[in-house]
Amino acid sequence: MGRALVEAIAAAGEEHDGGVDQGGDVASLAASADVLVDFSSPEALEATLDAAAAAGTPIVVGTTGLAERHHWLIDHAANRIAVLQTGNTSLGVNMLAHLVREAAARLGPDWDIEIVETHHRMKLDAPSGTALLLGAAAAEGRGVGLAQVAVRGRDGITGARQDGAIGFASLRGGSVAGDHSVLFLGPDERLELTHHAETRTIFARGAVRAAQWLIGKPAGRYTMAEVLGL
């Protein structure tokens, strides 16, 4: 992602001020940059947020696998700076989330929702941040919280499917950059909304657009949907 970001920044006609790997001086980078983009790890995120807040520098957080504590840290930082946090910076994926939200709201409870995602064999977290983003969009469309209806794994004698559940299935293998499908399964018909990521360039391109949009925004939490004007 670092190399992809450097290329996307240049393609957008912007300047790359530098990058920080594990153990690097993120405070100095935050002090000199107009905006930060974080694709690190949950363990590294706290230090990056602290540095961004101390410098007053807005930040795009694209790191996935976040726990409840990380979202608390993001909320805390957003009291001082502009923070855009997302499970996926792809413009196409975020448009997909919008369509999923609309479909869930309009199709009604007779349609079951299942989310299937496939990633490369080295991916560490499951379900993917993108799958959770899509699940949250579906839950929002139905007016419920995802935590109350998510089913993340089925094994053995599970019984009949629960009404209103949003199911997740995670596949891992090869070098897949990221495939996501949201299935709406109704009586006698099925609707599938799908996005295929062919390279990681799409994530870098979306992150750069989000970073450009975030510069100059007041403190608070922002989303990719706002970048797209949705």
C-alpha atoms as a PDB file:
ATOM      1  CA  MET A   1       0.000   0.000   0.000  1.00  0.00           C
ATOM      2  CA  GLY A   2       2.884   2.383   0.663  1.00  0.00           C
ATOM      3  CA  ARG A   3       4.159   2.112  -2.897  1.00  0.00           C
ATOM      4  CA  ALA A   4       0.624   2.342  -4.271  1.00  0.00           C
ATOM      5  CA  LEU A   5       0.017   5.514  -2.251  1.00  0.00           C
ATOM      6  CA  VAL A   6       3.207   7.162  -3.501  1.00  0.00           C
ATOM      7  CA  GLU A   7       2.153   6.475  -7.100  1.00  0.00           C
ATOM      8  CA  ALA A   8      -1.429   7.670  -6.494  1.00  0.00           C
ATOM      9  CA  ILE A   9      -0.208  10.885  -4.842  1.00  0.00           C
ATOM     10  CA  ALA A  10       1.998  11.657  -7.843  1.00  0.00           C
ATOM     11  CA  ALA A  11      -0.821  10.823 -10.277  1.00  0.00           C
ATOM     12  CA  ALA A  12      -3.083  13.265  -8.424  1.00  0.00           C
ATOM     13  CA  GLY A  13      -0.516  16.040  -8.830  1.00  0.00           C
ATOM     14  CA  GLU A  14       0.207  16.195  -5.101  1.00  0.00           C
ATOM     15  CA  GLU A  15       3.500  16.016  -3.188  1.00  0.00           C
ATOM     16  CA  HIS A  16       4.480  13.059  -0.995  1.00  0.00           C
ATOM     17  CA  ASP A  17       6.019  14.400   2.204  1.00  0.00           C
ATOM     18  CA  GLY A  18       7.300  11.047   3.439  1.00  0.00           C
ATOM     19  CA  GLY A  19       6.317   7.759   5.007  1.00  0.00           C
ATOM     20  CA  VAL A  20       6.813   6.031   8.330  1.00  0.00           C
ATOM     21  CA  ASP A  21       7.233   2.323   8.921  1.00  0.00           C
ATOM     22  CA  GLN A  22       7.158   0.558  12.268  1.00  0.00           C
ATOM     23  CA  GLY A  23       9.218   2.459  14.815  1.00  0.00           C
ATOM     24  CA  GLY A  24       9.548   5.560  12.625  1.00  0.00           C
ATOM     25  CA  ASP A  25       9.200   9.183  13.692  1.00  0.00           C
ATOM     26  CA  VAL A  26       5.505   9.724  13.020  1.00  0.00           C
ATOM     27  CA  ALA A  27       5.458  12.906  15.126  1.00  0.00           C
ATOM     28  CA  SER A  28       7.871  14.711  12.779  1.00  0.00           C
ATOM     29  CA  LEU A  29       5.906  13.588   9.727  1.00  0.00           C
ATOM     30  CA  ALA A  30       2.620  14.758  11.273  1.00  0.00           C
ATOM     31  CA  ALA A  31       4.139  18.147  12.014  1.00  0.00           C
ATOM     32  CA  SER A  32       5.205  18.720   8.395  1.00  0.00           C
ATOM     33  CA  ALA A  33       2.321  17.166   6.450  1.00  0.00           C
ATOM     34  CA  ASP A  34      -0.990  18.701   5.355  1.00  0.00           C
ATOM     35  CA  VAL A  35      -2.773  15.391   5.964  1.00  0.00           C
ATOM     36  CA  LEU A  36      -1.830  11.855   7.062  1.00  0.00           C
ATOM     37  CA  VAL A  37      -2.981   8.552   5.547  1.00  0.00           C
ATOM     38  CA  ASP A  38      -2.732   5.522   7.819  1.00  0.00           C
ATOM     39  CA  PHE A  39      -2.640   1.976   6.446  1.00  0.00           C
ATOM     40  CA  SER A  40      -0.613   0.454   9.270  1.00  0.00           C
ATOM     41  CA  SER A  41      -1.899  -1.919  11.937  1.00  0.00           C
ATOM     42  CA  PRO A  42      -4.250  -1.639  14.916  1.00  0.00           C
ATOM     43  CA  GLU A  43      -1.222  -1.780  17.218  1.00  0.00           C
ATOM     44  CA  ALA A  44       0.389   1.241  15.542  1.00  0.00           C
ATOM     45  CA  LEU A  45      -2.739   3.350  15.210  1.00  0.00           C
ATOM     46  CA  GLU A  46      -2.733   4.913  18.695  1.00  0.00           C
ATOM     47  CA  ALA A  47       0.685   6.506  18.245  1.00  0.00           C
ATOM     48  CA  THR A  48      -0.296   7.843  14.825  1.00  0.00           C
ATOM     49  CA  LEU A  49      -3.537   9.356  16.138  1.00  0.00           C
ATOM     50  CA  ASP A  50      -1.683  10.942  19.053  1.00  0.00           C
ATOM     51  CA  ALA A  51       0.890  12.470  16.694  1.00  0.00           C
ATOM     52  CA  ALA A  52      -1.793  13.764  14.312  1.00  0.00           C
ATOM     53  CA  ALA A  53      -3.817  15.305  17.147  1.00  0.00           C
ATOM     54  CA  ALA A  54      -0.754  16.931  18.695  1.00  0.00           C
ATOM     55  CA  ALA A  55       0.198  18.484  15.351  1.00  0.00           C
ATOM     56  CA  GLY A  56      -3.351  19.435  14.401  1.00  0.00           C
ATOM     57  CA  THR A  57      -3.051  17.387  11.212  1.00  0.00           C
ATOM     58  CA  PRO A  58      -6.119  15.678   9.691  1.00  0.00           C
ATOM     59  CA  ILE A  59      -5.867  11.947   9.099  1.00  0.00           C
ATOM     60  CA  VAL A  60      -7.433   9.292   6.887  1.00  0.00           C
ATOM     61  CA  VAL A  61      -7.536   5.928   8.686  1.00  0.00           C
ATOM     62  CA  GLY A  62      -7.766   2.958   6.338  1.00  0.00           C
ATOM     63  CA  THR A  63      -6.399   0.397   8.788  1.00  0.00           C
ATOM     64  CA  THR A  64      -8.755  -2.537   9.395  1.00  0.00           C
ATOM     65  CA  GLY A  65      -9.109  -5.125  12.158  1.00  0.00           C
ATOM     66  CA  LEU A  66      -9.960  -2.384  14.665  1.00  0.00           C
ATOM     67  CA  ALA A  67     -11.423  -3.188  18.075  1.00  0.00           C
ATOM     68  CA  GLU A  68     -13.792  -1.118  20.201  1.00  0.00           C
ATOM     69  CA  ARG A  69     -10.843   0.628  21.882  1.00  0.00           C
ATOM     70  CA  HIS A  70      -9.523   1.840  18.518  1.00  0.00           C
ATOM     71  CA  HIS A  71     -12.853   3.449  17.684  1.00  0.00           C
ATOM     72  CA  TRP A  72     -12.763   5.151  21.082  1.00  0.00           C
ATOM     73  CA  LEU A  73      -9.292   6.469  20.260  1.00  0.00           C
ATOM     74  CA  ILE A  74     -10.556   7.748  16.904  1.00  0.00           C
ATOM     75  CA  ASP A  75     -13.495   9.474  18.604  1.00  0.00           C
ATOM     76  CA  HIS A  76     -11.077  11.059  21.072  1.00  0.00           C
ATOM     77  CA  ALA A  77      -8.778  12.308  18.291  1.00  0.00           C
ATOM     78  CA  ALA A  78     -11.772  13.630  16.340  1.00  0.00           C
ATOM     79  CA  ASN A  79     -12.426  16.091  19.169  1.00  0.00           C
ATOM     80  CA  ARG A  80      -9.250  17.878  18.054  1.00  0.00           C
ATOM     81  CA  ILE A  81      -8.756  17.099  14.352  1.00  0.00           C
ATOM     82  CA  ALA A  82     -10.627  15.930  11.274  1.00  0.00           C
ATOM     83  CA  VAL A  83     -10.577  12.110  11.048  1.00  0.00           C
ATOM     84  CA  LEU A  84     -11.950  10.049   8.184  1.00  0.00           C
ATOM     85  CA  GLN A  85     -12.075   6.375   9.147  1.00  0.00           C
ATOM     86  CA  THR A  86     -13.275   3.664   6.789  1.00  0.00           C
ATOM     87  CA  GLY A  87     -13.040  -0.075   6.283  1.00  0.00           C
ATOM     88  CA  ASN A  88     -12.320   0.543   2.585  1.00  0.00           C
ATOM     89  CA  THR A  89     -11.130   3.603   0.664  1.00  0.00           C
ATOM     90  CA  SER A  90     -12.240   2.322  -2.750  1.00  0.00           C
ATOM     91  CA  LEU A  91     -14.733   4.671  -4.368  1.00  0.00           C
ATOM     92  CA  GLY A  92     -16.520   1.699  -5.936  1.00  0.00           C
ATOM     93  CA  VAL A  93     -16.885  -0.129  -2.633  1.00  0.00           C
ATOM     94  CA  ASN A  94     -18.335   2.935  -0.959  1.00  0.00           C
ATOM     95  CA  MET A  95     -20.820   3.352  -3.771  1.00  0.00           C
ATOM     96  CA  LEU A  96     -21.664  -0.335  -3.276  1.00  0.00           C
ATOM     97  CA  ALA A  97     -22.313   0.358   0.416  1.00  0.00           C
ATOM     98  CA  HIS A  98     -24.753   3.088  -0.591  1.00  0.00           C
ATOM     99  CA  LEU A  99     -26.602   0.691  -2.907  1.00  0.00           C
ATOM    100  CA  VAL A 100     -26.671  -1.997  -0.190  1.00  0.00           C
ATOM    101  CA  ARG A 101     -28.162   0.456   2.300  1.00  0.00           C
ATOM    102  CA  GLU A 102     -30.855   1.445  -0.197  1.00  0.00           C
ATOM    103  CA  ALA A 103     -31.676  -2.165  -1.126  1.00  0.00           C
ATOM    104  CA  ALA A 104     -31.894  -3.271   2.502  1.00  0.00           C
ATOM    105  CA  ALA A 105     -34.233  -0.402   3.297  1.00  0.00           C
ATOM    106  CA  ARG A 106     -36.543  -1.011   0.354  1.00  0.00           C
ATOM    107  CA  LEU A 107     -36.693  -4.783  -0.100  1.00  0.00           C
ATOM    108  CA  GLY A 108     -38.061  -5.533   3.339  1.00  0.00           C
ATOM    109  CA  PRO A 109     -37.622  -8.291   5.937  1.00  0.00           C
ATOM    110  CA  ASP A 110     -38.604 -11.156   3.601  1.00  0.00           C
ATOM    111  CA  TRP A 111     -35.188 -10.855   1.935  1.00  0.00           C
ATOM    112  CA  ASP A 112     -32.280 -12.553   3.713  1.00  0.00           C
ATOM    113  CA  ILE A 113     -28.869 -10.858   3.543  1.00  0.00           C
ATOM    114  CA  GLU A 114     -25.559 -12.708   3.225  1.00  0.00           C
ATOM    115  CA  ILE A 115     -22.111 -11.180   2.648  1.00  0.00           C
ATOM    116  CA  VAL A 116     -19.317 -13.209   1.034  1.00  0.00           C
ATOM    117  CA  GLU A 117     -15.745 -11.896   0.836  1.00  0.00           C
ATOM    118  CA  THR A 118     -12.547 -13.340  -0.658  1.00  0.00           C
ATOM    119  CA  HIS A 119      -9.011 -12.094   0.022  1.00  0.00           C
ATOM    120  CA  HIS A 120      -5.401 -13.171  -0.456  1.00  0.00           C
ATOM    121  CA  ARG A 121      -3.998 -15.854   1.791  1.00  0.00           C
ATOM    122  CA  MET A 122      -1.937 -13.401   3.885  1.00  0.00           C
ATOM    123  CA  LYS A 123      -4.844 -11.267   5.120  1.00  0.00           C
ATOM    124  CA  LEU A 124      -4.969 -11.278   8.923  1.00  0.00           C
ATOM    125  CA  ASP A 125      -8.513 -10.259   9.853  1.00  0.00           C
ATOM    126  CA  ALA A 126     -11.889 -11.819   9.066  1.00  0.00           C
ATOM    127  CA  PRO A 127     -14.483 -10.758   8.209  1.00  0.00           C
ATOM    128  CA  SER A 128     -12.730  -8.034   6.250  1.00  0.00           C
ATOM    129  CA  GLY A 129     -13.208  -4.419   7.157  1.00  0.00           C
ATOM    130  CA  THR A 130     -15.040  -4.011   3.865  1.00  0.00           C
ATOM    131  CA  ALA A 131     -17.449  -6.855   4.643  1.00  0.00           C
ATOM    132  CA  LEU A 132     -18.212  -5.244   8.002  1.00  0.00           C
ATOM    133  CA  LEU A 133     -18.688  -1.879   6.290  1.00  0.00           C
ATOM    134  CA  LEU A 134     -21.208  -3.480   3.922  1.00  0.00           C
ATOM    135  CA  GLY A 135     -22.893  -5.291   6.799  1.00  0.00           C
ATOM    136  CA  ALA A 136     -23.215  -2.032   8.700  1.00  0.00           C
ATOM    137  CA  ALA A 137     -24.758  -0.424   5.620  1.00  0.00           C
ATOM    138  CA  ALA A 138     -27.305  -3.246   5.342  1.00  0.00           C
ATOM    139  CA  ALA A 139     -28.123  -3.024   9.053  1.00  0.00           C
ATOM    140  CA  GLU A 140     -28.489   0.748   8.844  1.00  0.00           C
ATOM    141  CA  GLY A 141     -30.891   0.323   5.930  1.00  0.00           C
ATOM    142  CA  ARG A 142     -32.995  -1.925   8.136  1.00  0.00           C
ATOM    143  CA  GLY A 143     -32.769   0.394  11.116  1.00  0.00           C
ATOM    144  CA  VAL A 144     -30.905  -2.051  13.367  1.00  0.00           C
ATOM    145  CA  GLY A 145     -27.422  -2.369  14.838  1.00  0.00           C
ATOM    146  CA  LEU A 146     -25.097  -4.794  13.080  1.00  0.00           C
ATOM    147  CA  ALA A 147     -23.866  -6.293  16.358  1.00  0.00           C
ATOM    148  CA  GLN A 148     -27.396  -7.480  17.144  1.00  0.00           C
ATOM    149  CA  VAL A 149     -27.962  -9.313  13.837  1.00  0.00           C
ATOM    150  CA  ALA A 150     -24.523 -10.398  12.567  1.00  0.00           C
ATOM    151  CA  VAL A 151     -23.770 -14.098  12.156  1.00  0.00           C
ATOM    152  CA  ARG A 152     -20.060 -14.588  11.496  1.00  0.00           C
ATOM    153  CA  GLY A 153     -19.770 -18.328  11.244  1.00  0.00           C
ATOM    154  CA  ARG A 154     -21.882 -21.436  10.907  1.00  0.00           C
ATOM    155  CA  ASP A 155     -20.754 -24.919  11.793  1.00  0.00           C
ATOM    156  CA  GLY A 156     -22.537 -28.099  12.792  1.00  0.00           C
ATOM    157  CA  ILE A 157     -26.254 -28.298  13.474  1.00  0.00           C
ATOM    158  CA  THR A 158     -27.082 -24.600  13.491  1.00  0.00           C
ATOM    159  CA  GLY A 159     -30.837 -24.833  13.034  1.00  0.00           C
ATOM    160  CA  ALA A 160     -32.882 -22.722  10.677  1.00  0.00           C
ATOM    161  CA  ARG A 161     -31.679 -19.292   9.684  1.00  0.00           C
ATOM    162  CA  GLN A 162     -32.761 -16.571  12.109  1.00  0.00           C
ATOM    163  CA  ASP A 163     -35.072 -13.915  10.729  1.00  0.00           C
ATOM    164  CA  GLY A 164     -33.265 -10.626  10.191  1.00  0.00           C
ATOM    165  CA  ALA A 165     -29.763 -12.105  10.434  1.00  0.00           C
ATOM    166  CA  ILE A 166     -26.934 -10.692   8.313  1.00  0.00           C
ATOM    167  CA  GLY A 167     -24.515 -13.519   7.585  1.00  0.00           C
ATOM    168  CA  PHE A 168     -20.797 -13.337   6.795  1.00  0.00           C
ATOM    169  CA  ALA A 169     -18.572 -15.849   4.993  1.00  0.00           C
ATOM    170  CA  SER A 170     -14.819 -15.283   4.598  1.00  0.00           C
ATOM    171  CA  LEU A 171     -12.682 -17.045   1.979  1.00  0.00           C
ATOM    172  CA  ARG A 172      -8.866 -16.853   1.883  1.00  0.00           C
ATOM    173  CA  GLY A 173      -6.432 -17.930  -0.798  1.00  0.00           C
ATOM    174  CA  GLY A 174      -4.038 -16.969  -3.561  1.00  0.00           C
ATOM    175  CA  SER A 175      -3.424 -13.319  -4.344  1.00  0.00           C
ATOM    176  CA  VAL A 176      -6.978 -11.947  -4.486  1.00  0.00           C
ATOM    177  CA  ALA A 177      -6.939  -8.205  -3.789  1.00  0.00           C
ATOM    178  CA  GLY A 178     -10.538  -8.282  -2.592  1.00  0.00           C
ATOM    179  CA  ASP A 179     -13.912  -9.551  -3.813  1.00  0.00           C
ATOM    180  CA  HIS A 180     -17.153  -8.722  -2.005  1.00  0.00           C
ATOM    181  CA  SER A 181     -20.700  -9.800  -2.755  1.00  0.00           C
ATOM    182  CA  VAL A 182     -23.866  -8.876  -0.891  1.00  0.00           C
ATOM    183  CA  LEU A 183     -26.681 -11.340  -1.584  1.00  0.00           C
ATOM    184  CA  PHE A 184     -30.313 -10.416  -1.041  1.00  0.00           C
ATOM    185  CA  LEU A 185     -32.196 -13.704  -1.101  1.00  0.00           C
ATOM    186  CA  GLY A 186     -35.946 -13.355  -1.379  1.00  0.00           C
ATOM    187  CA  PRO A 187     -38.829 -15.706  -2.145  1.00  0.00           C
ATOM    188  CA  ASP A 188     -38.160 -17.129  -5.624  1.00  0.00           C
ATOM    189  CA  GLU A 189     -35.562 -14.488  -6.591  1.00  0.00           C
ATOM    190  CA  ARG A 190     -32.092 -13.299  -5.696  1.00  0.00           C
ATOM    191  CA  LEU A 191     -30.245 -10.001  -6.063  1.00  0.00           C
ATOM    192  CA  GLU A 192     -26.442  -9.886  -5.936  1.00  0.00           C
ATOM    193  CA  LEU A 193     -24.409  -6.695  -5.607  1.00  0.00           C
ATOM    194  CA  THR A 194     -20.699  -7.332  -6.201  1.00  0.00           C
ATOM    195  CA  HIS A 195     -17.412  -5.458  -6.290  1.00  0.00           C
ATOM    196  CA  HIS A 196     -14.102  -6.874  -7.541  1.00  0.00           C
ATOM    197  CA  ALA A 197     -10.823  -5.184  -6.606  1.00  0.00           C
ATOM    198  CA  GLU A 198      -8.303  -5.947  -9.354  1.00  0.00           C
ATOM    199  CA  THR A 199      -5.323  -4.155  -7.765  1.00  0.00           C
ATOM    200  CA  ARG A 200      -4.552  -2.293  -4.557  1.00  0.00           C
ATOM    201  CA  THR A 201      -4.223   0.883  -6.624  1.00  0.00           C
ATOM    202  CA  ILE A 202      -7.953   1.535  -6.213  1.00  0.00           C
ATOM    203  CA  PHE A 203      -7.546   1.786  -2.434  1.00  0.00           C
ATOM    204  CA  ALA A 204      -4.639   4.206  -2.762  1.00  0.00           C
ATOM    205  CA  ARG A 205      -6.504   6.318  -5.315  1.00  0.00           C
ATOM    206  CA  GLY A 206      -9.543   6.548  -3.052  1.00  0.00           C
ATOM    207  CA  ALA A 207      -7.389   7.356  -0.020  1.00  0.00           C
ATOM    208  CA  VAL A 208      -5.727  10.232  -1.857  1.00  0.00           C
ATOM    209  CA  ARG A 209      -9.099  11.635  -2.909  1.00  0.00           C
ATOM    210  CA  ALA A 210     -10.292  11.351   0.702  1.00  0.00           C
ATOM    211  CA  ALA A 211      -7.137  13.075   1.949  1.00  0.00           C
ATOM    212  CA  GLN A 212      -7.580  15.951  -0.507  1.00  0.00           C
ATOM    213  CA  TRP A 213     -11.186  16.346   0.596  1.00  0.00           C
ATOM    214  CA  LEU A 214     -10.316  16.231   4.322  1.00  0.00           C
ATOM    215  CA  ILE A 215      -7.780  19.079   4.283  1.00  0.00           C
ATOM    216  CA  GLY A 216      -9.285  22.162   5.914  1.00  0.00           C
ATOM    217  CA  LYS A 217     -12.244  20.354   7.471  1.00  0.00           C
ATOM    218  CA  PRO A 218     -13.070  21.156  11.118  1.00  0.00           C
ATOM    219  CA  ALA A 219     -12.518  18.573  13.845  1.00  0.00           C
ATOM    220  CA  GLY A 220     -14.861  15.611  13.717  1.00  0.00           C
ATOM    221  CA  ARG A 221     -15.412  12.172  12.210  1.00  0.00           C
ATOM    222  CA  TYR A 222     -16.015  11.877   8.487  1.00  0.00           C
ATOM    223  CA  THR A 223     -16.857   9.070   6.050  1.00  0.00           C
ATOM    224  CA  MET A 224     -16.147   8.086   2.463  1.00  0.00           C
ATOM    225  CA  ALA A 225     -19.832   8.602   1.713  1.00  0.00           C
ATOM    226  CA  GLU A 226     -19.304  12.314   2.389  1.00  0.00           C
ATOM    227  CA  VAL A 227     -16.339  12.345   0.014  1.00  0.00           C
ATOM    228  CA  LEU A 228     -18.655  10.970  -2.684  1.00  0.00           C
ATOM    229  CA  GLY A 229     -21.406  13.392  -1.751  1.00  0.00           C
ATOM    230  CA  LEU A 230     -23.829  10.598  -0.786  1.00  0.00           C
END
